[in-house]
Amino acid sequence: MTDWLSVSRGDAPLVLAFPHTGTDIPVDIEARLVSPDLARKDADWWVDKLYAFAADRGATMVRTSISRSVIDVNRDPWGASLYPGQATTGLCPVTTFDGEPLYRDGEEPDEAEIDTRKARWFAPYHDALAAEIDRLHKAHGRVVLYDCHSIRSVIPRLFDGALPHFNIGTYNGTTCAPELEERVAAACDASAFTRVVNGRFKGGWTTRHYGAPDHDIHAIQMELACRGYLDEPIGADPEPWPVPFDPEYARPMTAILTRVIQACLEPL
């Protein structure tokens, strides 16, 4: 669609969203950062590669290549915290997950710039996502939105210890049918990996905004701990990062995710 927004259309009643796999930072913003590499550290590394198989199953893919450090399209556009009282990052983040400043002193975006970024990137991304959900809902009478994420396994500022491998978010069961949540959890349980439902990550703005199970629009977020599909150097500040994507290393998790995607395709 554009040089930063891609939509790969399928005919199955399933949309996969990739809000955080992008690493593009416009030059005028990059010039104000402490470090471009630091600004890319919290990307959902290689998640689009991990789920590439879903296209062969008819899934529609919506992806932005813009870095979440420029604008996080999975945050409330009015700036409300998704997790009040807990550490998080905002719509246009000014720190990393670890609390490190992203911008040089005095170079943080002001409200006018945030509004410009919303108009340039946030709104078109969600316009495209909403259009695909609507297209498939009209065609099938139902649709599942599956929001694809990953995060480093150990980030003390955000959570204690190592995060479970599979973190399923349905905003406490409100964004999808109970059957879908149960099927996805069962697929994850059929493995040696750990999982939790509505733990530290309950689903971001995308899941909460689009999920309307009473209208057969079912939204679910999957947050993966990176160690499940990458040879992740565990620690608060892993080096080198990111490690390359290795399909062989990722194969066990890919096998489970294949079952997860199949569970999303089955009628409810």
Protein backbone atom coordinates (compact mmCIF):
# COMPACT_ATOMS: atom_id res chain seq x y z
CA MET A 1 0.00 0.00 0.00
CA THR A 2 2.78 2.41 0.93
CA ASP A 3 6.50 2.17 1.55
CA TRP A 4 5.82 1.61 5.28
CA LEU A 5 2.45 -0.17 5.38
CA SER A 6 1.83 -3.54 3.77
CA VAL A 7 -1.36 -5.57 3.45
CA SER A 8 -1.20 -9.12 2.13
CA ARG A 9 -4.76 -10.26 1.54
CA GLY A 10 -6.09 -13.74 2.14
CA ASP A 11 -9.59 -15.15 1.98
CA ALA A 12 -9.79 -16.96 5.33
CA PRO A 13 -11.62 -15.27 8.25
CA LEU A 14 -8.35 -14.41 9.96
CA VAL A 15 -6.25 -11.22 10.15
CA LEU A 16 -2.73 -11.23 11.56
CA ALA A 17 -1.49 -7.82 12.71
CA PHE A 18 2.19 -6.93 13.08
CA PRO A 19 2.41 -3.57 14.87
CA HIS A 20 5.94 -3.84 16.26
CA THR A 21 8.15 -5.70 13.76
CA GLY A 22 9.18 -2.47 12.00
CA THR A 23 12.52 -0.75 12.52
CA ASP A 24 12.25 2.25 10.19
CA ILE A 25 12.97 5.63 11.80
CA PRO A 26 12.71 8.83 9.72
CA VAL A 27 16.01 10.71 9.53
CA ASP A 28 14.66 13.84 11.23
CA ILE A 29 13.60 11.79 14.25
CA GLU A 30 16.72 9.62 14.27
CA ALA A 31 18.89 12.75 14.51
CA ARG A 32 17.31 13.55 17.90
CA LEU A 33 17.78 10.10 19.43
CA VAL A 34 20.39 9.05 21.93
CA SER A 35 21.04 5.98 19.76
CA PRO A 36 19.16 4.52 16.78
CA ASP A 37 20.14 1.02 17.92
CA LEU A 38 18.70 1.69 21.37
CA ALA A 39 15.48 2.89 19.73
CA ARG A 40 15.17 -0.42 17.88
CA LYS A 41 15.96 -2.70 20.83
CA ASP A 42 12.31 -3.28 21.79
CA ALA A 43 11.11 -4.32 18.34
CA ASP A 44 9.22 -7.61 18.04
CA TRP A 45 12.17 -9.14 16.27
CA TRP A 46 11.48 -11.46 13.32
CA VAL A 47 7.85 -12.13 14.33
CA ASP A 48 6.72 -11.55 10.73
CA LYS A 49 9.15 -14.28 9.63
CA LEU A 50 7.92 -16.58 12.39
CA TYR A 51 4.30 -16.36 11.20
CA ALA A 52 5.03 -16.36 7.47
CA PHE A 53 3.43 -19.81 7.18
CA ALA A 54 0.00 -18.33 7.97
CA ALA A 55 -0.26 -16.76 4.52
CA ASP A 56 -0.47 -20.27 3.04
CA ARG A 57 -3.50 -20.87 5.25
CA GLY A 58 -5.34 -17.89 3.82
CA ALA A 59 -4.60 -15.37 6.57
CA THR A 60 -4.48 -11.66 5.80
CA MET A 61 -1.35 -9.89 7.06
CA VAL A 62 -1.21 -6.21 8.04
CA ARG A 63 2.24 -4.86 8.93
CA THR A 64 3.89 -1.51 9.53
CA SER A 65 7.63 -1.08 9.02
CA ILE A 66 7.72 2.02 11.26
CA SER A 67 9.53 1.49 14.56
CA ARG A 68 7.41 1.45 17.69
CA SER A 69 9.80 4.09 19.04
CA VAL A 70 8.40 6.51 16.45
CA ILE A 71 4.79 5.66 17.25
CA ASP A 72 3.32 2.61 18.91
CA VAL A 73 0.21 1.68 16.94
CA ASN A 74 -0.83 -0.70 19.73
CA ARG A 75 -1.26 2.06 22.31
CA ASP A 76 -4.30 4.15 23.16
CA PRO A 77 -4.24 7.08 20.69
CA TRP A 78 -5.34 9.48 23.45
CA GLY A 79 -2.46 8.46 25.69
CA ALA A 80 -4.28 6.44 28.36
CA SER A 81 -2.14 3.75 29.97
CA LEU A 82 -3.03 0.17 29.10
CA TYR A 83 -1.75 -0.97 32.49
CA PRO A 84 -2.40 1.76 35.10
CA GLY A 85 0.04 1.59 37.98
CA GLN A 86 2.52 -0.61 36.08
CA ALA A 87 5.58 0.37 34.09
CA THR A 88 4.95 0.61 30.36
CA THR A 89 5.79 2.75 27.35
CA GLY A 90 3.54 5.30 25.68
CA LEU A 91 2.11 6.18 22.30
CA CYS A 92 5.32 7.94 21.28
CA PRO A 93 7.77 6.38 23.71
CA VAL A 94 10.48 8.45 25.36
CA THR A 95 12.17 5.48 27.07
CA THR A 96 12.95 1.86 26.30
CA PHE A 97 11.31 -0.99 28.21
CA ASP A 98 14.31 -0.83 30.54
CA GLY A 99 13.71 2.87 31.26
CA GLU A 100 16.60 4.20 29.18
CA PRO A 101 15.98 7.64 27.61
CA LEU A 102 15.44 7.51 23.84
CA TYR A 103 15.87 11.22 23.11
CA ARG A 104 18.55 13.76 23.84
CA ASP A 105 17.56 16.30 26.49
CA GLY A 106 14.86 18.62 25.19
CA GLU A 107 14.34 16.67 21.95
CA GLU A 108 11.27 14.65 23.01
CA PRO A 109 8.15 15.01 20.82
CA ASP A 110 5.60 17.57 21.97
CA GLU A 111 1.82 17.25 21.62
CA ALA A 112 1.77 18.84 18.16
CA GLU A 113 4.36 16.39 16.89
CA ILE A 114 2.53 13.46 18.45
CA ASP A 115 -0.64 14.54 16.63
CA THR A 116 1.32 14.69 13.37
CA ARG A 117 2.70 11.20 13.91
CA LYS A 118 -0.80 9.89 14.66
CA ALA A 119 -2.13 11.31 11.41
CA ARG A 120 0.83 10.09 9.37
CA TRP A 121 1.14 6.54 10.73
CA PHE A 122 -1.34 5.53 13.43
CA ALA A 123 -4.53 6.40 11.56
CA PRO A 124 -3.56 4.79 8.21
CA TYR A 125 -2.45 1.59 9.94
CA HIS A 126 -5.75 1.25 11.76
CA ASP A 127 -7.75 2.29 8.70
CA ALA A 128 -6.14 -0.61 6.83
CA LEU A 129 -6.64 -3.04 9.71
CA ALA A 130 -10.29 -2.06 10.13
CA ALA A 131 -10.92 -2.38 6.39
CA GLU A 132 -9.57 -5.95 6.31
CA ILE A 133 -11.56 -6.95 9.39
CA ASP A 134 -14.70 -5.51 7.78
CA ARG A 135 -14.02 -7.21 4.43
CA LEU A 136 -13.62 -10.65 5.96
CA HIS A 137 -16.46 -10.21 8.43
CA LYS A 138 -18.81 -9.40 5.56
CA ALA A 139 -17.56 -12.39 3.57
CA HIS A 140 -17.76 -14.96 6.39
CA GLY A 141 -20.02 -13.51 9.06
CA ARG A 142 -17.14 -13.86 11.50
CA VAL A 143 -13.46 -12.96 11.74
CA VAL A 144 -10.56 -13.41 14.14
CA LEU A 145 -7.97 -10.69 14.65
CA TYR A 146 -4.73 -12.21 15.94
CA ASP A 147 -2.24 -9.59 17.15
CA CYS A 148 1.34 -10.86 16.86
CA HIS A 149 3.95 -9.80 19.43
CA SER A 150 7.15 -10.81 21.16
CA ILE A 151 9.32 -9.42 23.93
CA ARG A 152 12.65 -10.17 25.56
CA SER A 153 12.23 -12.87 28.18
CA VAL A 154 13.70 -10.92 31.11
CA ILE A 155 12.89 -7.22 31.65
CA PRO A 156 12.90 -6.52 35.41
CA ARG A 157 11.24 -3.10 34.99
CA LEU A 158 8.18 -4.73 33.42
CA PHE A 159 7.85 -8.11 35.14
CA ASP A 160 9.51 -10.43 37.65
CA GLY A 161 11.62 -13.35 36.49
CA ALA A 162 11.35 -14.91 33.05
CA LEU A 163 8.12 -14.41 31.14
CA PRO A 164 6.20 -17.56 30.11
CA HIS A 165 6.79 -18.57 26.49
CA PHE A 166 3.17 -18.00 25.41
CA ASN A 167 1.24 -15.04 26.83
CA ILE A 168 -2.35 -15.06 25.60
CA GLY A 169 -4.31 -11.83 26.00
CA THR A 170 -8.07 -11.45 25.69
CA TYR A 171 -8.51 -8.58 28.17
CA ASN A 172 -9.84 -10.95 30.81
CA GLY A 173 -12.01 -12.87 28.38
CA THR A 174 -13.84 -9.89 26.91
CA THR A 175 -12.38 -9.67 23.39
CA CYS A 176 -13.16 -13.12 22.00
CA ALA A 177 -15.41 -16.12 22.50
CA PRO A 178 -14.39 -18.36 25.42
CA GLU A 179 -14.01 -21.26 22.97
CA LEU A 180 -11.29 -19.43 21.06
CA GLU A 181 -9.33 -18.59 24.20
CA GLU A 182 -9.61 -22.24 25.31
CA ARG A 183 -8.52 -23.63 21.94
CA VAL A 184 -5.47 -21.37 21.75
CA ALA A 185 -4.48 -22.23 25.32
CA ALA A 186 -4.90 -25.95 24.59
CA ALA A 187 -2.67 -25.68 21.52
CA CYS A 188 0.04 -24.05 23.63
CA ASP A 189 -0.35 -26.67 26.35
CA ALA A 190 0.41 -29.42 23.84
CA SER A 191 4.10 -28.53 24.09
CA ALA A 192 7.02 -28.27 26.48
CA PHE A 193 6.61 -24.48 26.52
CA THR A 194 5.04 -22.51 29.36
CA ARG A 195 1.95 -20.36 28.88
CA VAL A 196 -0.39 -18.01 30.71
CA VAL A 197 -3.73 -16.42 29.84
CA ASN A 198 -4.27 -12.76 30.78
CA GLY A 199 -1.14 -12.56 32.88
CA ARG A 200 1.20 -9.58 32.63
CA PHE A 201 0.00 -8.90 29.08
CA LYS A 202 -3.77 -8.95 28.67
CA GLY A 203 -3.96 -7.52 25.15
CA GLY A 204 -3.08 -4.07 23.92
CA TRP A 205 -5.21 -1.32 22.43
CA THR A 206 -5.72 -3.23 19.17
CA THR A 207 -7.18 -6.29 20.89
CA ARG A 208 -9.36 -4.22 23.20
CA HIS A 209 -10.53 -1.84 20.47
CA TYR A 210 -11.55 -4.37 17.82
CA GLY A 211 -12.69 -7.34 19.90
CA ALA A 212 -16.48 -7.59 19.72
CA PRO A 213 -17.39 -11.25 20.21
CA ASP A 214 -21.12 -10.46 20.35
CA HIS A 215 -20.75 -9.39 16.70
CA ASP A 216 -18.48 -12.32 15.79
CA ILE A 217 -15.34 -10.19 15.70
CA HIS A 218 -12.89 -12.03 17.94
CA ALA A 219 -9.57 -10.48 18.95
CA ILE A 220 -6.69 -12.18 20.69
CA GLN A 221 -3.11 -11.13 21.39
CA MET A 222 -0.14 -13.48 21.54
CA GLU A 223 2.96 -12.18 23.28
CA LEU A 224 5.88 -14.58 22.82
CA ALA A 225 8.95 -14.68 25.02
CA CYS A 226 11.83 -14.37 22.56
CA ARG A 227 13.74 -17.35 23.96
CA GLY A 228 11.07 -19.64 22.54
CA TYR A 229 12.06 -18.92 18.93
CA LEU A 230 15.44 -17.14 19.16
CA ASP A 231 18.76 -18.08 20.73
CA GLU A 232 18.22 -15.16 23.09
CA PRO A 233 21.04 -13.98 25.36
CA ILE A 234 19.03 -13.67 28.56
CA GLY A 235 19.57 -10.51 30.55
CA ALA A 236 18.38 -6.96 31.08
CA ASP A 237 20.62 -5.68 28.28
CA PRO A 238 21.40 -8.60 25.97
CA GLU A 239 24.33 -8.32 23.61
CA PRO A 240 24.48 -8.87 20.73
CA TRP A 241 20.87 -8.04 19.94
CA PRO A 242 19.02 -8.98 17.89
CA VAL A 243 20.32 -12.40 17.06
CA PRO A 244 19.57 -13.65 13.53
CA PHE A 245 16.39 -15.56 12.81
CA ASP A 246 17.11 -19.28 12.54
CA PRO A 247 14.16 -21.32 11.21
CA GLU A 248 15.61 -24.52 12.67
CA TYR A 249 15.88 -23.03 16.14
CA ALA A 250 12.34 -21.69 15.81
CA ARG A 251 10.89 -24.96 14.48
CA PRO A 252 9.41 -26.25 17.80
CA MET A 253 7.60 -22.96 18.43
CA THR A 254 6.54 -22.71 14.80
CA ALA A 255 4.91 -26.12 15.12
CA ILE A 256 2.83 -24.95 18.09
CA LEU A 257 1.96 -21.65 16.42
CA THR A 258 0.73 -23.61 13.42
CA ARG A 259 -1.76 -25.32 15.76
CA VAL A 260 -2.67 -21.96 17.27
CA ILE A 261 -3.43 -20.46 13.86
CA GLN A 262 -5.48 -23.53 12.95
CA ALA A 263 -7.47 -23.05 16.15
CA CYS A 264 -8.22 -19.48 15.06
CA LEU A 265 -9.45 -20.70 11.67
CA GLU A 266 -11.92 -23.26 13.00
CA PRO A 267 -15.57 -22.14 13.31
CA LEU A 268 -16.77 -21.03 16.71
